[in-house]
Amino acid sequence: SAPVRIISMAELDTVFVDRPLPGELTGKCREWET
């Protein structure tokens, strides 16, 4: 956790991770077309 918000994943084109995101967040990325 950290106290200051940068931006939302909704504002990103691509996210590179080492393991799959949790299901709910994966669903949000689909909605955002991220």
PDB file of all heavy atoms in Angstrom:
ATOM      1  N   SER A   1       0.840  -1.188   0.000  1.00  0.00           N
ATOM      2  CA  SER A   1       0.000   0.000   0.000  1.00  0.00           C
ATOM      3  C   SER A   1       0.877   1.241   0.000  1.00  0.00           C
ATOM      4  O   SER A   1       2.009   1.216   0.475  1.00  0.00           O
ATOM      5  CB  SER A   1      -0.914   0.011   1.229  1.00  0.00           C
ATOM      6  OG  SER A   1      -1.746   1.151   1.223  1.00  0.00           O
ATOM      7  N   ALA A   2       0.362   2.315  -0.570  1.00  0.00           N
ATOM      8  CA  ALA A   2       1.039   3.612  -0.559  1.00  0.00           C
ATOM      9  C   ALA A   2      -0.046   4.688  -0.546  1.00  0.00           C
ATOM     10  O   ALA A   2      -1.173   4.452  -0.997  1.00  0.00           O
ATOM     11  CB  ALA A   2       1.947   3.755  -1.775  1.00  0.00           C
ATOM     12  N   PRO A   3       0.251   5.880  -0.039  1.00  0.00           N
ATOM     13  CA  PRO A   3      -0.814   6.849   0.231  1.00  0.00           C
ATOM     14  C   PRO A   3      -1.234   7.748  -0.920  1.00  0.00           C
ATOM     15  O   PRO A   3      -2.264   8.422  -0.822  1.00  0.00           O
ATOM     16  CB  PRO A   3      -0.216   7.701   1.366  1.00  0.00           C
ATOM     17  CG  PRO A   3       1.255   7.636   1.139  1.00  0.00           C
ATOM     18  CD  PRO A   3       1.533   6.273   0.576  1.00  0.00           C
ATOM     19  N   VAL A   4      -0.456   7.802  -2.020  1.00  0.00           N
ATOM     20  CA  VAL A   4      -0.736   8.788  -3.070  1.00  0.00           C
ATOM     21  C   VAL A   4      -1.120   8.090  -4.371  1.00  0.00           C
ATOM     22  O   VAL A   4      -0.410   7.196  -4.843  1.00  0.00           O
ATOM     23  CB  VAL A   4       0.480   9.707  -3.316  1.00  0.00           C
ATOM     24  CG1 VAL A   4       0.095  10.842  -4.266  1.00  0.00           C
ATOM     25  CG2 VAL A   4       1.014  10.269  -2.004  1.00  0.00           C
ATOM     26  N   ARG A   5      -2.228   8.520  -4.956  1.00  0.00           N
ATOM     27  CA  ARG A   5      -2.709   7.927  -6.207  1.00  0.00           C
ATOM     28  C   ARG A   5      -2.001   8.554  -7.393  1.00  0.00           C
ATOM     29  O   ARG A   5      -1.871   9.786  -7.467  1.00  0.00           O
ATOM     30  CB  ARG A   5      -4.219   8.132  -6.337  1.00  0.00           C
ATOM     31  CG  ARG A   5      -4.840   7.545  -7.605  1.00  0.00           C
ATOM     32  CD  ARG A   5      -6.326   7.867  -7.664  1.00  0.00           C
ATOM     33  NE  ARG A   5      -6.970   7.275  -8.828  1.00  0.00           N
ATOM     34  CZ  ARG A   5      -7.022   7.835 -10.023  1.00  0.00           C
ATOM     35  NH1 ARG A   5      -6.448   9.019 -10.229  1.00  0.00           N
ATOM     36  NH2 ARG A   5      -7.637   7.240 -11.026  1.00  0.00           N
ATOM     37  N   ILE A   6      -1.546   7.708  -8.325  1.00  0.00           N
ATOM     38  CA  ILE A   6      -0.943   8.212  -9.568  1.00  0.00           C
ATOM     39  C   ILE A   6      -2.046   8.335 -10.622  1.00  0.00           C
ATOM     40  O   ILE A   6      -2.534   9.423 -10.902  1.00  0.00           O
ATOM     41  CB  ILE A   6       0.191   7.282 -10.064  1.00  0.00           C
ATOM     42  CG1 ILE A   6       1.214   7.017  -8.952  1.00  0.00           C
ATOM     43  CG2 ILE A   6       0.880   7.918 -11.270  1.00  0.00           C
ATOM     44  CD1 ILE A   6       2.259   5.965  -9.308  1.00  0.00           C
ATOM     45  N   ILE A   7      -2.432   7.224 -11.211  1.00  0.00           N
ATOM     46  CA  ILE A   7      -3.515   7.159 -12.190  1.00  0.00           C
ATOM     47  C   ILE A   7      -4.183   5.804 -12.033  1.00  0.00           C
ATOM     48  O   ILE A   7      -3.773   4.979 -11.223  1.00  0.00           O
ATOM     49  CB  ILE A   7      -3.017   7.338 -13.645  1.00  0.00           C
ATOM     50  CG1 ILE A   7      -1.974   6.267 -13.987  1.00  0.00           C
ATOM     51  CG2 ILE A   7      -2.490   8.738 -13.884  1.00  0.00           C
ATOM     52  CD1 ILE A   7      -1.556   6.248 -15.453  1.00  0.00           C
ATOM     53  N   SER A   8      -5.213   5.555 -12.824  1.00  0.00           N
ATOM     54  CA  SER A   8      -5.881   4.259 -12.855  1.00  0.00           C
ATOM     55  C   SER A   8      -5.355   3.419 -14.007  1.00  0.00           C
ATOM     56  O   SER A   8      -4.902   3.953 -15.032  1.00  0.00           O
ATOM     57  CB  SER A   8      -7.387   4.440 -13.014  1.00  0.00           C
ATOM     58  OG  SER A   8      -8.030   3.215 -13.334  1.00  0.00           O
ATOM     59  N   MET A   9      -5.434   2.110 -13.866  1.00  0.00           N
ATOM     60  CA  MET A   9      -5.125   1.221 -14.983  1.00  0.00           C
ATOM     61  C   MET A   9      -6.005   1.518 -16.199  1.00  0.00           C
ATOM     62  O   MET A   9      -5.629   1.176 -17.321  1.00  0.00           O
ATOM     63  CB  MET A   9      -5.313  -0.241 -14.568  1.00  0.00           C
ATOM     64  CG  MET A   9      -4.179  -0.828 -13.776  1.00  0.00           C
ATOM     65  SD  MET A   9      -4.480  -2.599 -13.522  1.00  0.00           S
ATOM     66  CE  MET A   9      -2.943  -3.070 -12.720  1.00  0.00           C
ATOM     67  N   ALA A  10      -7.145   2.128 -15.984  1.00  0.00           N
ATOM     68  CA  ALA A  10      -8.034   2.473 -17.091  1.00  0.00           C
ATOM     69  C   ALA A  10      -7.363   3.433 -18.060  1.00  0.00           C
ATOM     70  O   ALA A  10      -7.753   3.524 -19.234  1.00  0.00           O
ATOM     71  CB  ALA A  10      -9.320   3.093 -16.550  1.00  0.00           C
ATOM     72  N   GLU A  11      -6.349   4.160 -17.597  1.00  0.00           N
ATOM     73  CA  GLU A  11      -5.657   5.142 -18.428  1.00  0.00           C
ATOM     74  C   GLU A  11      -4.437   4.557 -19.134  1.00  0.00           C
ATOM     75  O   GLU A  11      -3.728   5.270 -19.834  1.00  0.00           O
ATOM     76  CB  GLU A  11      -5.244   6.341 -17.569  1.00  0.00           C
ATOM     77  CG  GLU A  11      -6.420   7.044 -16.910  1.00  0.00           C
ATOM     78  CD  GLU A  11      -5.988   8.074 -15.894  1.00  0.00           C
ATOM     79  OE1 GLU A  11      -5.290   9.032 -16.282  1.00  0.00           O
ATOM     80  OE2 GLU A  11      -6.342   7.926 -14.704  1.00  0.00           O
ATOM     81  N   LEU A  12      -4.215   3.262 -18.952  1.00  0.00           N
ATOM     82  CA  LEU A  12      -3.048   2.608 -19.539  1.00  0.00           C
ATOM     83  C   LEU A  12      -3.421   1.878 -20.831  1.00  0.00           C
ATOM     84  O   LEU A  12      -4.560   1.457 -21.008  1.00  0.00           O
ATOM     85  CB  LEU A  12      -2.460   1.590 -18.558  1.00  0.00           C
ATOM     86  CG  LEU A  12      -2.013   2.113 -17.195  1.00  0.00           C
ATOM     87  CD1 LEU A  12      -1.673   0.951 -16.277  1.00  0.00           C
ATOM     88  CD2 LEU A  12      -0.828   3.058 -17.348  1.00  0.00           C
ATOM     89  N   ASP A  13      -2.443   1.705 -21.691  1.00  0.00           N
ATOM     90  CA  ASP A  13      -2.636   0.878 -22.878  1.00  0.00           C
ATOM     91  C   ASP A  13      -2.322  -0.586 -22.583  1.00  0.00           C
ATOM     92  O   ASP A  13      -3.061  -1.477 -22.996  1.00  0.00           O
ATOM     93  CB  ASP A  13      -1.748   1.385 -24.020  1.00  0.00           C
ATOM     94  CG  ASP A  13      -2.195   2.741 -24.511  1.00  0.00           C
ATOM     95  OD1 ASP A  13      -3.121   2.793 -25.331  1.00  0.00           O
ATOM     96  OD2 ASP A  13      -1.634   3.747 -24.043  1.00  0.00           O
ATOM     97  N   THR A  14      -1.214  -0.829 -21.856  1.00  0.00           N
ATOM     98  CA  THR A  14      -0.782  -2.200 -21.593  1.00  0.00           C
ATOM     99  C   THR A  14      -0.174  -2.289 -20.200  1.00  0.00           C
ATOM    100  O   THR A  14       0.543  -1.388 -19.773  1.00  0.00           O
ATOM    101  CB  THR A  14       0.261  -2.667 -22.632  1.00  0.00           C
ATOM    102  OG1 THR A  14      -0.255  -2.473 -23.949  1.00  0.00           O
ATOM    103  CG2 THR A  14       0.598  -4.140 -22.447  1.00  0.00           C
ATOM    104  N   VAL A  15      -0.460  -3.403 -19.532  1.00  0.00           N
ATOM    105  CA  VAL A  15       0.130  -3.723 -18.238  1.00  0.00           C
ATOM    106  C   VAL A  15       0.953  -4.994 -18.405  1.00  0.00           C
ATOM    107  O   VAL A  15       0.453  -6.008 -18.897  1.00  0.00           O
ATOM    108  CB  VAL A  15      -0.951  -3.947 -17.158  1.00  0.00           C
ATOM    109  CG1 VAL A  15      -0.322  -4.339 -15.827  1.00  0.00           C
ATOM    110  CG2 VAL A  15      -1.815  -2.702 -16.992  1.00  0.00           C
ATOM    111  N   PHE A  16       2.209  -4.943 -17.998  1.00  0.00           N
ATOM    112  CA  PHE A  16       3.104  -6.105 -18.039  1.00  0.00           C
ATOM    113  C   PHE A  16       3.312  -6.589 -16.609  1.00  0.00           C
ATOM    114  O   PHE A  16       3.817  -5.839 -15.766  1.00  0.00           O
ATOM    115  CB  PHE A  16       4.444  -5.737 -18.667  1.00  0.00           C
ATOM    116  CG  PHE A  16       4.352  -5.310 -20.100  1.00  0.00           C
ATOM    117  CD1 PHE A  16       4.097  -3.985 -20.431  1.00  0.00           C
ATOM    118  CD2 PHE A  16       4.512  -6.231 -21.129  1.00  0.00           C
ATOM    119  CE1 PHE A  16       4.007  -3.578 -21.759  1.00  0.00           C
ATOM    120  CE2 PHE A  16       4.428  -5.841 -22.456  1.00  0.00           C
ATOM    121  CZ  PHE A  16       4.172  -4.513 -22.769  1.00  0.00           C
ATOM    122  N   VAL A  17       2.914  -7.841 -16.343  1.00  0.00           N
ATOM    123  CA  VAL A  17       3.026  -8.425 -15.004  1.00  0.00           C
ATOM    124  C   VAL A  17       3.652  -9.813 -15.109  1.00  0.00           C
ATOM    125  O   VAL A  17       3.742 -10.386 -16.185  1.00  0.00           O
ATOM    126  CB  VAL A  17       1.653  -8.521 -14.305  1.00  0.00           C
ATOM    127  CG1 VAL A  17       1.143  -7.165 -13.882  1.00  0.00           C
ATOM    128  CG2 VAL A  17       0.624  -9.213 -15.206  1.00  0.00           C
ATOM    129  N   ASP A  18       4.071 -10.336 -13.951  1.00  0.00           N
ATOM    130  CA  ASP A  18       4.710 -11.652 -13.947  1.00  0.00           C
ATOM    131  C   ASP A  18       3.722 -12.788 -13.720  1.00  0.00           C
ATOM    132  O   ASP A  18       4.022 -13.941 -14.042  1.00  0.00           O
ATOM    133  CB  ASP A  18       5.818 -11.706 -12.885  1.00  0.00           C
ATOM    134  CG  ASP A  18       5.305 -11.367 -11.493  1.00  0.00           C
ATOM    135  OD1 ASP A  18       4.513 -10.402 -11.366  1.00  0.00           O
ATOM    136  OD2 ASP A  18       5.699 -12.026 -10.524  1.00  0.00           O
ATOM    137  N   ARG A  19       2.559 -12.479 -13.152  1.00  0.00           N
ATOM    138  CA  ARG A  19       1.525 -13.487 -12.919  1.00  0.00           C
ATOM    139  C   ARG A  19       0.166 -12.863 -13.216  1.00  0.00           C
ATOM    140  O   ARG A  19       0.028 -11.642 -13.195  1.00  0.00           O
ATOM    141  CB  ARG A  19       1.566 -13.998 -11.464  1.00  0.00           C
ATOM    142  CG  ARG A  19       2.872 -14.651 -11.088  1.00  0.00           C
ATOM    143  CD  ARG A  19       2.729 -15.511  -9.819  1.00  0.00           C
ATOM    144  NE  ARG A  19       2.186 -14.783  -8.685  1.00  0.00           N
ATOM    145  CZ  ARG A  19       2.910 -14.033  -7.845  1.00  0.00           C
ATOM    146  NH1 ARG A  19       4.219 -13.890  -8.034  1.00  0.00           N
ATOM    147  NH2 ARG A  19       2.356 -13.420  -6.826  1.00  0.00           N
ATOM    148  N   PRO A  20      -0.862 -13.679 -13.489  1.00  0.00           N
ATOM    149  CA  PRO A  20      -2.169 -13.117 -13.814  1.00  0.00           C
ATOM    150  C   PRO A  20      -2.720 -12.229 -12.696  1.00  0.00           C
ATOM    151  O   PRO A  20      -2.519 -12.506 -11.509  1.00  0.00           O
ATOM    152  CB  PRO A  20      -3.051 -14.364 -14.018  1.00  0.00           C
ATOM    153  CG  PRO A  20      -2.093 -15.442 -14.389  1.00  0.00           C
ATOM    154  CD  PRO A  20      -0.838 -15.164 -13.612  1.00  0.00           C
ATOM    155  N   LEU A  21      -3.406 -11.180 -13.085  1.00  0.00           N
ATOM    156  CA  LEU A  21      -4.086 -10.323 -12.121  1.00  0.00           C
ATOM    157  C   LEU A  21      -5.273 -11.070 -11.519  1.00  0.00           C
ATOM    158  O   LEU A  21      -5.801 -12.007 -12.127  1.00  0.00           O
ATOM    159  CB  LEU A  21      -4.594  -9.051 -12.806  1.00  0.00           C
ATOM    160  CG  LEU A  21      -3.546  -8.112 -13.395  1.00  0.00           C
ATOM    161  CD1 LEU A  21      -4.231  -7.030 -14.220  1.00  0.00           C
ATOM    162  CD2 LEU A  21      -2.696  -7.486 -12.303  1.00  0.00           C
ATOM    163  N   PRO A  22      -5.729 -10.671 -10.319  1.00  0.00           N
ATOM    164  CA  PRO A  22      -6.947 -11.273  -9.762  1.00  0.00           C
ATOM    165  C   PRO A  22      -8.117 -11.138 -10.730  1.00  0.00           C
ATOM    166  O   PRO A  22      -8.164 -10.203 -11.545  1.00  0.00           O
ATOM    167  CB  PRO A  22      -7.179 -10.459  -8.478  1.00  0.00           C
ATOM    168  CG  PRO A  22      -5.839  -9.914  -8.128  1.00  0.00           C
ATOM    169  CD  PRO A  22      -5.130  -9.664  -9.431  1.00  0.00           C
ATOM    170  N   GLY A  23      -9.062 -12.065 -10.630  1.00  0.00           N
ATOM    171  CA  GLY A  23     -10.165 -12.128 -11.585  1.00  0.00           C
ATOM    172  C   GLY A  23     -10.933 -10.838 -11.744  1.00  0.00           C
ATOM    173  O   GLY A  23     -11.235 -10.412 -12.870  1.00  0.00           O
ATOM    174  N   GLU A  24     -11.267 -10.183 -10.627  1.00  0.00           N
ATOM    175  CA  GLU A  24     -12.059  -8.954 -10.707  1.00  0.00           C
ATOM    176  C   GLU A  24     -11.295  -7.846 -11.422  1.00  0.00           C
ATOM    177  O   GLU A  24     -11.847  -7.120 -12.252  1.00  0.00           O
ATOM    178  CB  GLU A  24     -12.447  -8.492  -9.295  1.00  0.00           C
ATOM    179  CG  GLU A  24     -13.380  -7.296  -9.291  1.00  0.00           C
ATOM    180  CD  GLU A  24     -13.862  -6.932  -7.898  1.00  0.00           C
ATOM    181  OE1 GLU A  24     -13.635  -7.726  -6.950  1.00  0.00           O
ATOM    182  OE2 GLU A  24     -14.466  -5.852  -7.756  1.00  0.00           O
ATOM    183  N   LEU A  25     -10.010  -7.741 -11.133  1.00  0.00           N
ATOM    184  CA  LEU A  25      -9.202  -6.710 -11.778  1.00  0.00           C
ATOM    185  C   LEU A  25      -8.974  -7.037 -13.252  1.00  0.00           C
ATOM    186  O   LEU A  25      -8.953  -6.141 -14.100  1.00  0.00           O
ATOM    187  CB  LEU A  25      -7.868  -6.562 -11.042  1.00  0.00           C
ATOM    188  CG  LEU A  25      -6.980  -5.376 -11.437  1.00  0.00           C
ATOM    189  CD1 LEU A  25      -7.758  -4.062 -11.412  1.00  0.00           C
ATOM    190  CD2 LEU A  25      -5.767  -5.299 -10.517  1.00  0.00           C
ATOM    191  N   THR A  26      -8.847  -8.309 -13.580  1.00  0.00           N
ATOM    192  CA  THR A  26      -8.746  -8.719 -14.985  1.00  0.00           C
ATOM    193  C   THR A  26      -9.999  -8.304 -15.746  1.00  0.00           C
ATOM    194  O   THR A  26      -9.924  -7.801 -16.872  1.00  0.00           O
ATOM    195  CB  THR A  26      -8.554 -10.243 -15.084  1.00  0.00           C
ATOM    196  OG1 THR A  26      -7.304 -10.599 -14.485  1.00  0.00           O
ATOM    197  CG2 THR A  26      -8.555 -10.703 -16.531  1.00  0.00           C
ATOM    198  N   GLY A  27     -11.168  -8.503 -15.109  1.00  0.00           N
ATOM    199  CA  GLY A  27     -12.422  -8.096 -15.730  1.00  0.00           C
ATOM    200  C   GLY A  27     -12.492  -6.598 -15.967  1.00  0.00           C
ATOM    201  O   GLY A  27     -12.964  -6.140 -17.018  1.00  0.00           O
ATOM    202  N   LYS A  28     -12.005  -5.822 -15.004  1.00  0.00           N
ATOM    203  CA  LYS A  28     -12.000  -4.369 -15.164  1.00  0.00           C
ATOM    204  C   LYS A  28     -11.098  -3.951 -16.317  1.00  0.00           C
ATOM    205  O   LYS A  28     -11.442  -3.045 -17.090  1.00  0.00           O
ATOM    206  CB  LYS A  28     -11.538  -3.702 -13.869  1.00  0.00           C
ATOM    207  CG  LYS A  28     -12.565  -3.743 -12.743  1.00  0.00           C
ATOM    208  CD  LYS A  28     -12.061  -3.008 -11.522  1.00  0.00           C
ATOM    209  CE  LYS A  28     -13.105  -3.003 -10.428  1.00  0.00           C
ATOM    210  NZ  LYS A  28     -12.636  -2.279  -9.213  1.00  0.00           N
ATOM    211  N   CYS A  29      -9.934  -4.602 -16.426  1.00  0.00           N
ATOM    212  CA  CYS A  29      -9.031  -4.265 -17.525  1.00  0.00           C
ATOM    213  C   CYS A  29      -9.685  -4.541 -18.878  1.00  0.00           C
ATOM    214  O   CYS A  29      -9.481  -3.787 -19.834  1.00  0.00           O
ATOM    215  CB  CYS A  29      -7.718  -5.044 -17.384  1.00  0.00           C
ATOM    216  SG  CYS A  29      -6.634  -4.420 -16.073  1.00  0.00           S
ATOM    217  N   ARG A  30     -10.472  -5.612 -18.962  1.00  0.00           N
ATOM    218  CA  ARG A  30     -11.197  -5.887 -20.211  1.00  0.00           C
ATOM    219  C   ARG A  30     -12.185  -4.749 -20.499  1.00  0.00           C
ATOM    220  O   ARG A  30     -12.298  -4.288 -21.641  1.00  0.00           O
ATOM    221  CB  ARG A  30     -11.941  -7.219 -20.105  1.00  0.00           C
ATOM    222  CG  ARG A  30     -11.036  -8.444 -20.119  1.00  0.00           C
ATOM    223  CD  ARG A  30     -11.827  -9.703 -20.430  1.00  0.00           C
ATOM    224  NE  ARG A  30     -11.037 -10.899 -20.219  1.00  0.00           N
ATOM    225  CZ  ARG A  30     -11.127 -11.668 -19.137  1.00  0.00           C
ATOM    226  NH1 ARG A  30     -11.989 -11.377 -18.175  1.00  0.00           N
ATOM    227  NH2 ARG A  30     -10.365 -12.739 -19.021  1.00  0.00           N
ATOM    228  N   GLU A  31     -12.903  -4.314 -19.460  1.00  0.00           N
ATOM    229  CA  GLU A  31     -13.866  -3.220 -19.642  1.00  0.00           C
ATOM    230  C   GLU A  31     -13.162  -1.946 -20.095  1.00  0.00           C
ATOM    231  O   GLU A  31     -13.681  -1.198 -20.932  1.00  0.00           O
ATOM    232  CB  GLU A  31     -14.609  -2.952 -18.327  1.00  0.00           C
ATOM    233  CG  GLU A  31     -15.557  -4.063 -17.895  1.00  0.00           C
ATOM    234  CD  GLU A  31     -16.176  -3.778 -16.539  1.00  0.00           C
ATOM    235  OE1 GLU A  31     -16.101  -2.611 -16.090  1.00  0.00           O
ATOM    236  OE2 GLU A  31     -16.709  -4.717 -15.920  1.00  0.00           O
ATOM    237  N   TRP A  32     -12.003  -1.688 -19.533  1.00  0.00           N
ATOM    238  CA  TRP A  32     -11.249  -0.476 -19.868  1.00  0.00           C
ATOM    239  C   TRP A  32     -10.485  -0.606 -21.176  1.00  0.00           C
ATOM    240  O   TRP A  32      -9.902   0.364 -21.650  1.00  0.00           O
ATOM    241  CB  TRP A  32     -10.244  -0.162 -18.752  1.00  0.00           C
ATOM    242  CG  TRP A  32     -10.851   0.110 -17.420  1.00  0.00           C
ATOM    243  CD1 TRP A  32     -12.056   0.687 -17.160  1.00  0.00           C
ATOM    244  CD2 TRP A  32     -10.267  -0.189 -16.134  1.00  0.00           C
ATOM    245  NE1 TRP A  32     -12.261   0.775 -15.807  1.00  0.00           N
ATOM    246  CE2 TRP A  32     -11.181   0.250 -15.150  1.00  0.00           C
ATOM    247  CE3 TRP A  32      -9.071  -0.770 -15.725  1.00  0.00           C
ATOM    248  CZ2 TRP A  32     -10.936   0.115 -13.779  1.00  0.00           C
ATOM    249  CZ3 TRP A  32      -8.814  -0.902 -14.373  1.00  0.00           C
ATOM    250  CH2 TRP A  32      -9.733  -0.473 -13.416  1.00  0.00           C
ATOM    251  N   GLU A  33     -10.442  -1.818 -21.736  1.00  0.00           N
ATOM    252  CA  GLU A  33      -9.654  -2.117 -22.930  1.00  0.00           C
ATOM    253  C   GLU A  33      -8.159  -1.888 -22.674  1.00  0.00           C
ATOM    254  O   GLU A  33      -7.417  -1.441 -23.553  1.00  0.00           O
ATOM    255  CB  GLU A  33     -10.140  -1.300 -24.127  1.00  0.00           C
ATOM    256  CG  GLU A  33     -11.585  -1.631 -24.521  1.00  0.00           C
ATOM    257  CD  GLU A  33     -12.043  -0.899 -25.769  1.00  0.00           C
ATOM    258  OE1 GLU A  33     -11.328   0.022 -26.218  1.00  0.00           O
ATOM    259  OE2 GLU A  33     -13.116  -1.234 -26.293  1.00  0.00           O
ATOM    260  N   THR A  34      -7.762  -2.210 -21.453  1.00  0.00           N
ATOM    261  CA  THR A  34      -6.352  -2.179 -21.080  1.00  0.00           C
ATOM    262  C   THR A  34      -5.785  -3.582 -21.265  1.00  0.00           C
ATOM    263  O   THR A  34      -6.232  -4.531 -20.623  1.00  0.00           O
ATOM    264  CB  THR A  34      -6.183  -1.748 -19.612  1.00  0.00           C
ATOM    265  OG1 THR A  34      -6.700  -0.420 -19.449  1.00  0.00           O
ATOM    266  CG2 THR A  34      -4.713  -1.770 -19.199  1.00  0.00           C
TER     267      THR A  34
END
